[in-house]
PDB file of N, CA and C in Angstrom:
ATOM      1  N   UNK A   1      87.413 -98.611 -22.433  1.00  0.00           N
ATOM      2  CA  UNK A   1      87.084 -97.310 -21.871  1.00  0.00           C
ATOM      3  C   UNK A   1      87.306 -97.371 -20.368  1.00  0.00           C
ATOM      4  N   UNK A   2      87.970 -96.367 -19.834  1.00  0.00           N
ATOM      5  CA  UNK A   2      88.191 -96.315 -18.394  1.00  0.00           C
ATOM      6  C   UNK A   2      87.034 -95.612 -17.715  1.00  0.00           C
ATOM      7  N   UNK A   3      86.782 -96.041 -16.498  1.00  0.00           N
ATOM      8  CA  UNK A   3      85.727 -95.435 -15.702  1.00  0.00           C
ATOM      9  C   UNK A   3      86.390 -94.548 -14.665  1.00  0.00           C
ATOM     10  N   UNK A   4      86.006 -93.299 -14.657  1.00  0.00           N
ATOM     11  CA  UNK A   4      86.577 -92.336 -13.711  1.00  0.00           C
ATOM     12  C   UNK A   4      86.157 -92.670 -12.292  1.00  0.00           C
ATOM     13  N   UNK A   5      86.988 -92.307 -11.332  1.00  0.00           N
ATOM     14  CA  UNK A   5      86.686 -92.549  -9.933  1.00  0.00           C
ATOM     15  C   UNK A   5      85.497 -91.746  -9.435  1.00  0.00           C
ATOM     16  N   UNK A   6      85.050 -90.740 -10.197  1.00  0.00           N
ATOM     17  CA  UNK A   6      83.926 -89.902  -9.782  1.00  0.00           C
ATOM     18  C   UNK A   6      82.575 -90.490 -10.163  1.00  0.00           C
ATOM     19  N   UNK A   7      82.569 -91.517 -10.997  1.00  0.00           N
ATOM     20  CA  UNK A   7      81.313 -92.099 -11.448  1.00  0.00           C
ATOM     21  C   UNK A   7      80.752 -93.050 -10.398  1.00  0.00           C
ATOM     22  N   UNK A   8      79.449 -92.972 -10.210  1.00  0.00           N
ATOM     23  CA  UNK A   8      78.761 -93.897  -9.309  1.00  0.00           C
ATOM     24  C   UNK A   8      78.422 -95.161 -10.079  1.00  0.00           C
ATOM     25  N   UNK A   9      78.540 -96.310  -9.415  1.00  0.00           N
ATOM     26  CA  UNK A   9      78.152 -97.579 -10.017  1.00  0.00           C
ATOM     27  C   UNK A   9      77.138 -98.264  -9.106  1.00  0.00           C
ATOM     28  N   UNK A  10      76.629 -99.386  -9.557  1.00  0.00           N
ATOM     29  CA  UNK A  10      75.699-100.148  -8.724  1.00  0.00           C
ATOM     30  C   UNK A  10      76.318-100.510  -7.385  1.00  0.00           C
ATOM     31  N   UNK A  11      77.639-100.651  -7.333  1.00  0.00           N
ATOM     32  CA  UNK A  11      78.305-101.010  -6.075  1.00  0.00           C
ATOM     33  C   UNK A  11      78.232 -99.903  -5.026  1.00  0.00           C
ATOM     34  N   UNK A  12      77.906 -98.683  -5.434  1.00  0.00           N
ATOM     35  CA  UNK A  12      77.809 -97.567  -4.492  1.00  0.00           C
ATOM     36  C   UNK A  12      76.465 -97.527  -3.757  1.00  0.00           C
ATOM     37  N   UNK A  13      75.513 -98.334  -4.198  1.00  0.00           N
ATOM     38  CA  UNK A  13      74.199 -98.347  -3.549  1.00  0.00           C
ATOM     39  C   UNK A  13      74.237 -99.167  -2.265  1.00  0.00           C
ATOM     40  N   UNK A  14      73.394 -98.791  -1.329  1.00  0.00           N
ATOM     41  CA  UNK A  14      73.203 -99.571  -0.102  1.00  0.00           C
ATOM     42  C   UNK A  14      71.858-100.287  -0.242  1.00  0.00           C
ATOM     43  N   UNK A  15      71.660-101.410   0.457  1.00  0.00           N
ATOM     44  CA  UNK A  15      70.396-102.123   0.336  1.00  0.00           C
ATOM     45  C   UNK A  15      69.192-101.203   0.563  1.00  0.00           C
ATOM     46  N   UNK A  16      68.235-101.296  -0.351  1.00  0.00           N
ATOM     47  CA  UNK A  16      67.030-100.476  -0.295  1.00  0.00           C
ATOM     48  C   UNK A  16      67.131 -99.190  -1.100  1.00  0.00           C
ATOM     49  N   UNK A  17      68.336 -98.807  -1.494  1.00  0.00           N
ATOM     50  CA  UNK A  17      68.528 -97.560  -2.244  1.00  0.00           C
ATOM     51  C   UNK A  17      68.257 -97.793  -3.724  1.00  0.00           C
ATOM     52  N   UNK A  18      67.674 -96.788  -4.361  1.00  0.00           N
ATOM     53  CA  UNK A  18      67.435 -96.878  -5.799  1.00  0.00           C
ATOM     54  C   UNK A  18      68.147 -95.746  -6.511  1.00  0.00           C
ATOM     55  N   UNK A  19      68.374 -95.960  -7.811  1.00  0.00           N
ATOM     56  CA  UNK A  19      69.060 -94.969  -8.632  1.00  0.00           C
ATOM     57  C   UNK A  19      68.649 -95.174 -10.086  1.00  0.00           C
ATOM     58  N   UNK A  20      69.028 -94.217 -10.920  1.00  0.00           N
ATOM     59  CA  UNK A  20      68.755 -94.287 -12.349  1.00  0.00           C
ATOM     60  C   UNK A  20      70.020 -94.712 -13.080  1.00  0.00           C
ATOM     61  N   UNK A  21      69.886 -95.699 -13.956  1.00  0.00           N
ATOM     62  CA  UNK A  21      71.029 -96.183 -14.720  1.00  0.00           C
ATOM     63  C   UNK A  21      71.430 -95.156 -15.770  1.00  0.00           C
ATOM     64  N   UNK A  22      72.738 -94.976 -15.936  1.00  0.00           N
ATOM     65  CA  UNK A  22      73.254 -94.039 -16.923  1.00  0.00           C
ATOM     66  C   UNK A  22      73.883 -94.764 -18.109  1.00  0.00           C
ATOM     67  N   UNK A  23      74.695 -95.794 -17.846  1.00  0.00           N
ATOM     68  CA  UNK A  23      75.404 -96.470 -18.935  1.00  0.00           C
ATOM     69  C   UNK A  23      75.933 -97.815 -18.468  1.00  0.00           C
ATOM     70  N   UNK A  24      76.151 -98.693 -19.432  1.00  0.00           N
ATOM     71  CA  UNK A  24      76.741 -99.998 -19.163  1.00  0.00           C
ATOM     72  C   UNK A  24      78.097-100.041 -19.859  1.00  0.00           C
ATOM     73  N   UNK A  25      79.160-100.117 -19.093  1.00  0.00           N
ATOM     74  CA  UNK A  25      80.516-100.190 -19.646  1.00  0.00           C
ATOM     75  C   UNK A  25      80.977-101.637 -19.600  1.00  0.00           C
ATOM     76  N   UNK A  26      80.350-102.439 -20.448  1.00  0.00           N
ATOM     77  CA  UNK A  26      80.575-103.882 -20.486  1.00  0.00           C
ATOM     78  C   UNK A  26      80.751-104.321 -21.926  1.00  0.00           C
ATOM     79  N   UNK A  27      81.328-105.503 -22.143  1.00  0.00           N
ATOM     80  CA  UNK A  27      81.376-106.031 -23.510  1.00  0.00           C
ATOM     81  C   UNK A  27      79.969-106.074 -24.110  1.00  0.00           C
ATOM     82  N   UNK A  28      79.891-105.887 -25.410  1.00  0.00           N
ATOM     83  CA  UNK A  28      78.599-105.756 -26.079  1.00  0.00           C
ATOM     84  C   UNK A  28      77.655-106.920 -25.805  1.00  0.00           C
ATOM     85  N   UNK A  29      78.160-108.146 -25.800  1.00  0.00           N
ATOM     86  CA  UNK A  29      77.267-109.297 -25.590  1.00  0.00           C
ATOM     87  C   UNK A  29      76.668-109.293 -24.184  1.00  0.00           C
ATOM     88  N   UNK A  30      77.459-108.928 -23.183  1.00  0.00           N
ATOM     89  CA  UNK A  30      76.956-108.877 -21.808  1.00  0.00           C
ATOM     90  C   UNK A  30      75.989-107.710 -21.642  1.00  0.00           C
ATOM     91  N   UNK A  31      76.364-106.545 -22.189  1.00  0.00           N
ATOM     92  CA  UNK A  31      75.480-105.375 -22.106  1.00  0.00           C
ATOM     93  C   UNK A  31      74.144-105.670 -22.776  1.00  0.00           C
ATOM     94  N   UNK A  32      74.165-106.324 -23.923  1.00  0.00           N
ATOM     95  CA  UNK A  32      72.925-106.649 -24.632  1.00  0.00           C
ATOM     96  C   UNK A  32      72.037-107.559 -23.789  1.00  0.00           C
ATOM     97  N   UNK A  33      72.628-108.571 -23.186  1.00  0.00           N
ATOM     98  CA  UNK A  33      71.860-109.496 -22.342  1.00  0.00           C
ATOM     99  C   UNK A  33      71.224-108.763 -21.159  1.00  0.00           C
ATOM    100  N   UNK A  34      71.995-107.883 -20.516  1.00  0.00           N
ATOM    101  CA  UNK A  34      71.454-107.128 -19.381  1.00  0.00           C
ATOM    102  C   UNK A  34      70.365-106.160 -19.824  1.00  0.00           C
ATOM    103  N   UNK A  35      70.518-105.586 -21.017  1.00  0.00           N
ATOM    104  CA  UNK A  35      69.485-104.674 -21.516  1.00  0.00           C
ATOM    105  C   UNK A  35      68.178-105.430 -21.766  1.00  0.00           C
ATOM    106  N   UNK A  36      68.276-106.661 -22.233  1.00  0.00           N
ATOM    107  CA  UNK A  36      67.081-107.486 -22.419  1.00  0.00           C
ATOM    108  C   UNK A  36      66.379-107.702 -21.077  1.00  0.00           C
ATOM    109  N   UNK A  37      67.171-107.812 -20.000  1.00  0.00           N
ATOM    110  CA  UNK A  37      66.615-108.023 -18.659  1.00  0.00           C
ATOM    111  C   UNK A  37      66.091-106.739 -18.022  1.00  0.00           C
ATOM    112  N   UNK A  38      66.301-105.579 -18.667  1.00  0.00           N
ATOM    113  CA  UNK A  38      65.773-104.319 -18.158  1.00  0.00           C
ATOM    114  C   UNK A  38      66.806-103.303 -17.740  1.00  0.00           C
ATOM    115  N   UNK A  39      68.087-103.642 -17.792  1.00  0.00           N
ATOM    116  CA  UNK A  39      69.153-102.704 -17.419  1.00  0.00           C
ATOM    117  C   UNK A  39      69.438-101.777 -18.596  1.00  0.00           C
ATOM    118  N   UNK A  40      68.553-100.823 -18.803  1.00  0.00           N
ATOM    119  CA  UNK A  40      68.722 -99.861 -19.894  1.00  0.00           C
ATOM    120  C   UNK A  40      68.893 -98.465 -19.303  1.00  0.00           C
ATOM    121  N   UNK A  41      69.714 -97.632 -19.949  1.00  0.00           N
ATOM    122  CA  UNK A  41      69.876 -96.267 -19.450  1.00  0.00           C
ATOM    123  C   UNK A  41      68.515 -95.590 -19.266  1.00  0.00           C
ATOM    124  N   UNK A  42      68.374 -94.932 -18.124  1.00  0.00           N
ATOM    125  CA  UNK A  42      67.128 -94.256 -17.787  1.00  0.00           C
ATOM    126  C   UNK A  42      66.211 -95.068 -16.889  1.00  0.00           C
ATOM    127  N   UNK A  43      66.480 -96.367 -16.763  1.00  0.00           N
ATOM    128  CA  UNK A  43      65.629 -97.196 -15.904  1.00  0.00           C
ATOM    129  C   UNK A  43      66.040 -97.050 -14.446  1.00  0.00           C
ATOM    130  N   UNK A  44      65.100 -97.353 -13.567  1.00  0.00           N
ATOM    131  CA  UNK A  44      65.354 -97.288 -12.129  1.00  0.00           C
ATOM    132  C   UNK A  44      65.741 -98.674 -11.637  1.00  0.00           C
ATOM    133  N   UNK A  45      66.804 -98.732 -10.852  1.00  0.00           N
ATOM    134  CA  UNK A  45      67.280 -99.990 -10.291  1.00  0.00           C
ATOM    135  C   UNK A  45      67.382 -99.833  -8.781  1.00  0.00           C
ATOM    136  N   UNK A  46      67.021-100.890  -8.051  1.00  0.00           N
ATOM    137  CA  UNK A  46      67.082-100.886  -6.588  1.00  0.00           C
ATOM    138  C   UNK A  46      67.985-102.027  -6.138  1.00  0.00           C
ATOM    139  N   UNK A  47      68.904-101.705  -5.225  1.00  0.00           N
ATOM    140  CA  UNK A  47      69.754-102.734  -4.629  1.00  0.00           C
ATOM    141  C   UNK A  47      68.930-103.389  -3.523  1.00  0.00           C
ATOM    142  N   UNK A  48      68.594-104.671  -3.674  1.00  0.00           N
ATOM    143  CA  UNK A  48      67.719-105.320  -2.703  1.00  0.00           C
ATOM    144  C   UNK A  48      68.483-106.067  -1.618  1.00  0.00           C
ATOM    145  N   UNK A  49      69.540-106.796  -2.006  1.00  0.00           N
ATOM    146  CA  UNK A  49      70.281-107.567  -1.000  1.00  0.00           C
ATOM    147  C   UNK A  49      71.563-108.116  -1.615  1.00  0.00           C
ATOM    148  N   UNK A  50      72.422-108.644  -0.740  1.00  0.00           N
ATOM    149  CA  UNK A  50      73.621-109.331  -1.212  1.00  0.00           C
ATOM    150  C   UNK A  50      73.602-110.745  -0.662  1.00  0.00           C
ATOM    151  N   UNK A  51      74.281-111.625  -1.352  1.00  0.00           N
ATOM    152  CA  UNK A  51      74.369-113.016  -0.901  1.00  0.00           C
ATOM    153  C   UNK A  51      75.133-113.066   0.417  1.00  0.00           C
ATOM    154  N   UNK A  52      74.948-114.124   1.213  1.00  0.00           N
ATOM    155  CA  UNK A  52      75.627-114.223   2.507  1.00  0.00           C
ATOM    156  C   UNK A  52      77.143-114.037   2.426  1.00  0.00           C
ATOM    157  N   UNK A  53      77.773-114.486   1.358  1.00  0.00           N
ATOM    158  CA  UNK A  53      79.214-114.319   1.206  1.00  0.00           C
ATOM    159  C   UNK A  53      79.596-112.965   0.625  1.00  0.00           C
ATOM    160  N   UNK A  54      78.599-112.127   0.308  1.00  0.00           N
ATOM    161  CA  UNK A  54      78.863-110.795  -0.223  1.00  0.00           C
ATOM    162  C   UNK A  54      78.782-110.705  -1.734  1.00  0.00           C
ATOM    163  N   UNK A  55      78.774-111.811  -2.426  1.00  0.00           N
ATOM    164  CA  UNK A  55      78.723-111.795  -3.885  1.00  0.00           C
ATOM    165  C   UNK A  55      77.928-113.008  -4.330  1.00  0.00           C
ATOM    166  N   UNK A  56      76.920-112.887  -5.171  1.00  0.00           N
ATOM    167  CA  UNK A  56      76.552-111.701  -5.933  1.00  0.00           C
ATOM    168  C   UNK A  56      75.638-110.746  -5.150  1.00  0.00           C
ATOM    169  N   UNK A  57      75.375-109.602  -5.781  1.00  0.00           N
ATOM    170  CA  UNK A  57      74.397-108.639  -5.276  1.00  0.00           C
ATOM    171  C   UNK A  57      73.123-108.822  -6.083  1.00  0.00           C
ATOM    172  N   UNK A  58      71.985-108.553  -5.456  1.00  0.00           N
ATOM    173  CA  UNK A  58      70.703-108.696  -6.139  1.00  0.00           C
ATOM    174  C   UNK A  58      70.092-107.315  -6.314  1.00  0.00           C
ATOM    175  N   UNK A  59      69.694-107.029  -7.559  1.00  0.00           N
ATOM    176  CA  UNK A  59      69.105-105.741  -7.914  1.00  0.00           C
ATOM    177  C   UNK A  59      67.727-105.975  -8.517  1.00  0.00           C
ATOM    178  N   UNK A  60      66.800-105.070  -8.231  1.00  0.00           N
ATOM    179  CA  UNK A  60      65.463-105.135  -8.826  1.00  0.00           C
ATOM    180  C   UNK A  60      65.390-104.092  -9.934  1.00  0.00           C
ATOM    181  N   UNK A  61      65.018-104.560 -11.108  1.00  0.00           N
ATOM    182  CA  UNK A  61      64.843-103.680 -12.250  1.00  0.00           C
ATOM    183  C   UNK A  61      63.669-104.207 -13.072  1.00  0.00           C
ATOM    184  N   UNK A  62      62.807-103.326 -13.480  1.00  0.00           N
ATOM    185  CA  UNK A  62      61.655-103.679 -14.308  1.00  0.00           C
ATOM    186  C   UNK A  62      60.830-104.816 -13.693  1.00  0.00           C
ATOM    187  N   UNK A  63      60.713-104.833 -12.350  1.00  0.00           N
ATOM    188  CA  UNK A  63      59.892-105.808 -11.665  1.00  0.00           C
ATOM    189  C   UNK A  63      60.532-107.162 -11.416  1.00  0.00           C
ATOM    190  N   UNK A  64      61.779-107.326 -11.824  1.00  0.00           N
ATOM    191  CA  UNK A  64      62.474-108.608 -11.631  1.00  0.00           C
ATOM    192  C   UNK A  64      63.707-108.430 -10.765  1.00  0.00           C
ATOM    193  N   UNK A  65      64.037-109.464  -9.988  1.00  0.00           N
ATOM    194  CA  UNK A  65      65.275-109.473  -9.215  1.00  0.00           C
ATOM    195  C   UNK A  65      66.347-110.175 -10.028  1.00  0.00           C
ATOM    196  N   UNK A  66      67.487-109.491 -10.185  1.00  0.00           N
ATOM    197  CA  UNK A  66      68.589-110.002 -10.993  1.00  0.00           C
ATOM    198  C   UNK A  66      69.845-110.009 -10.137  1.00  0.00           C
ATOM    199  N   UNK A  67      70.535-111.151 -10.084  1.00  0.00           N
ATOM    200  CA  UNK A  67      71.790-111.252  -9.338  1.00  0.00           C
ATOM    201  C   UNK A  67      72.958-110.944 -10.272  1.00  0.00           C
ATOM    202  N   UNK A  68      73.826-110.029  -9.822  1.00  0.00           N
ATOM    203  CA  UNK A  68      75.009-109.658 -10.595  1.00  0.00           C
ATOM    204  C   UNK A  68      76.251-109.803  -9.730  1.00  0.00           C
ATOM    205  N   UNK A  69      77.310-110.305 -10.308  1.00  0.00           N
ATOM    206  CA  UNK A  69      78.589-110.353  -9.603  1.00  0.00           C
ATOM    207  C   UNK A  69      79.125-108.941  -9.458  1.00  0.00           C
ATOM    208  N   UNK A  70      79.945-108.750  -8.444  1.00  0.00           N
ATOM    209  CA  UNK A  70      80.518-107.419  -8.169  1.00  0.00           C
ATOM    210  C   UNK A  70      81.263-106.872  -9.385  1.00  0.00           C
ATOM    211  N   UNK A  71      81.987-107.715 -10.082  1.00  0.00           N
ATOM    212  CA  UNK A  71      82.772-107.247 -11.230  1.00  0.00           C
ATOM    213  C   UNK A  71      81.872-106.687 -12.329  1.00  0.00           C
ATOM    214  N   UNK A  72      80.677-107.225 -12.479  1.00  0.00           N
ATOM    215  CA  UNK A  72      79.728-106.708 -13.469  1.00  0.00           C
ATOM    216  C   UNK A  72      79.034-105.461 -12.943  1.00  0.00           C
ATOM    217  N   UNK A  73      78.554-105.510 -11.702  1.00  0.00           N
ATOM    218  CA  UNK A  73      77.848-104.370 -11.109  1.00  0.00           C
ATOM    219  C   UNK A  73      78.732-103.120 -11.075  1.00  0.00           C
ATOM    220  N   UNK A  74      80.027-103.301 -10.935  1.00  0.00           N
ATOM    221  CA  UNK A  74      80.952-102.173 -10.878  1.00  0.00           C
ATOM    222  C   UNK A  74      81.153-101.472 -12.206  1.00  0.00           C
ATOM    223  N   UNK A  75      80.607-102.051 -13.267  1.00  0.00           N
ATOM    224  CA  UNK A  75      80.740-101.438 -14.595  1.00  0.00           C
ATOM    225  C   UNK A  75      79.421-100.893 -15.119  1.00  0.00           C
ATOM    226  N   UNK A  76      78.422-100.857 -14.242  1.00  0.00           N
ATOM    227  CA  UNK A  76      77.131-100.269 -14.603  1.00  0.00           C
ATOM    228  C   UNK A  76      77.035 -98.927 -13.892  1.00  0.00           C
ATOM    229  N   UNK A  77      77.069 -97.867 -14.682  1.00  0.00           N
ATOM    230  CA  UNK A  77      77.114 -96.510 -14.139  1.00  0.00           C
ATOM    231  C   UNK A  77      75.728 -95.965 -13.835  1.00  0.00           C
ATOM    232  N   UNK A  78      75.690 -95.118 -12.822  1.00  0.00           N
ATOM    233  CA  UNK A  78      74.453 -94.481 -12.380  1.00  0.00           C
ATOM    234  C   UNK A  78      74.505 -92.992 -12.636  1.00  0.00           C
ATOM    235  N   UNK A  79      73.347 -92.381 -12.766  1.00  0.00           N
ATOM    236  CA  UNK A  79      73.285 -90.924 -12.856  1.00  0.00           C
ATOM    237  C   UNK A  79      73.680 -90.355 -11.502  1.00  0.00           C
ATOM    238  N   UNK A  80      74.279 -89.166 -11.498  1.00  0.00           N
ATOM    239  CA  UNK A  80      74.666 -88.560 -10.217  1.00  0.00           C
ATOM    240  C   UNK A  80      73.476 -88.420  -9.289  1.00  0.00           C
ATOM    241  N   UNK A  81      73.742 -88.591  -8.011  1.00  0.00           N
ATOM    242  CA  UNK A  81      72.682 -88.432  -7.007  1.00  0.00           C
ATOM    243  C   UNK A  81      72.260 -86.977  -6.950  1.00  0.00           C
ATOM    244  N   UNK A  82      70.978 -86.790  -6.802  1.00  0.00           N
ATOM    245  CA  UNK A  82      70.446 -85.427  -6.667  1.00  0.00           C
ATOM    246  C   UNK A  82      70.399 -85.068  -5.202  1.00  0.00           C
ATOM    247  N   UNK A  83      70.735 -83.839  -4.899  1.00  0.00           N
ATOM    248  CA  UNK A  83      70.647 -83.357  -3.531  1.00  0.00           C
ATOM    249  C   UNK A  83      69.179 -83.113  -3.203  1.00  0.00           C
ATOM    250  N   UNK A  84      68.757 -83.598  -2.047  1.00  0.00           N
ATOM    251  CA  UNK A  84      67.372 -83.369  -1.614  1.00  0.00           C
ATOM    252  C   UNK A  84      67.265 -81.985  -0.996  1.00  0.00           C
ATOM    253  N   UNK A  85      66.259 -81.235  -1.418  1.00  0.00           N
ATOM    254  CA  UNK A  85      66.037 -79.897  -0.881  1.00  0.00           C
ATOM    255  C   UNK A  85      64.925 -79.966   0.153  1.00  0.00           C
ATOM    256  N   UNK A  86      65.119 -79.290   1.257  1.00  0.00           N
ATOM    257  CA  UNK A  86      64.106 -79.292   2.317  1.00  0.00           C
ATOM    258  C   UNK A  86      63.082 -78.223   2.075  1.00  0.00           C
TER     259      UNK A  86
END
């Protein structure tokens, strides 16, 4: 399955930003493992930091910090950002 350029992924987050997971476009075994760790559609994930070399990135989900390589994080889709109303 191809991912459209309009979809947000974990790679679009900046440190400290949180978002809601929409889907995991990964092989079934990898997606299953991540779902066990809390990466399930509808959950909130926060980008906490990146390693000194830039990879992996560390995300907080369900109270745990999980390090993901960029290639994996780029296949985890987020729900569209909501516009904040003043």
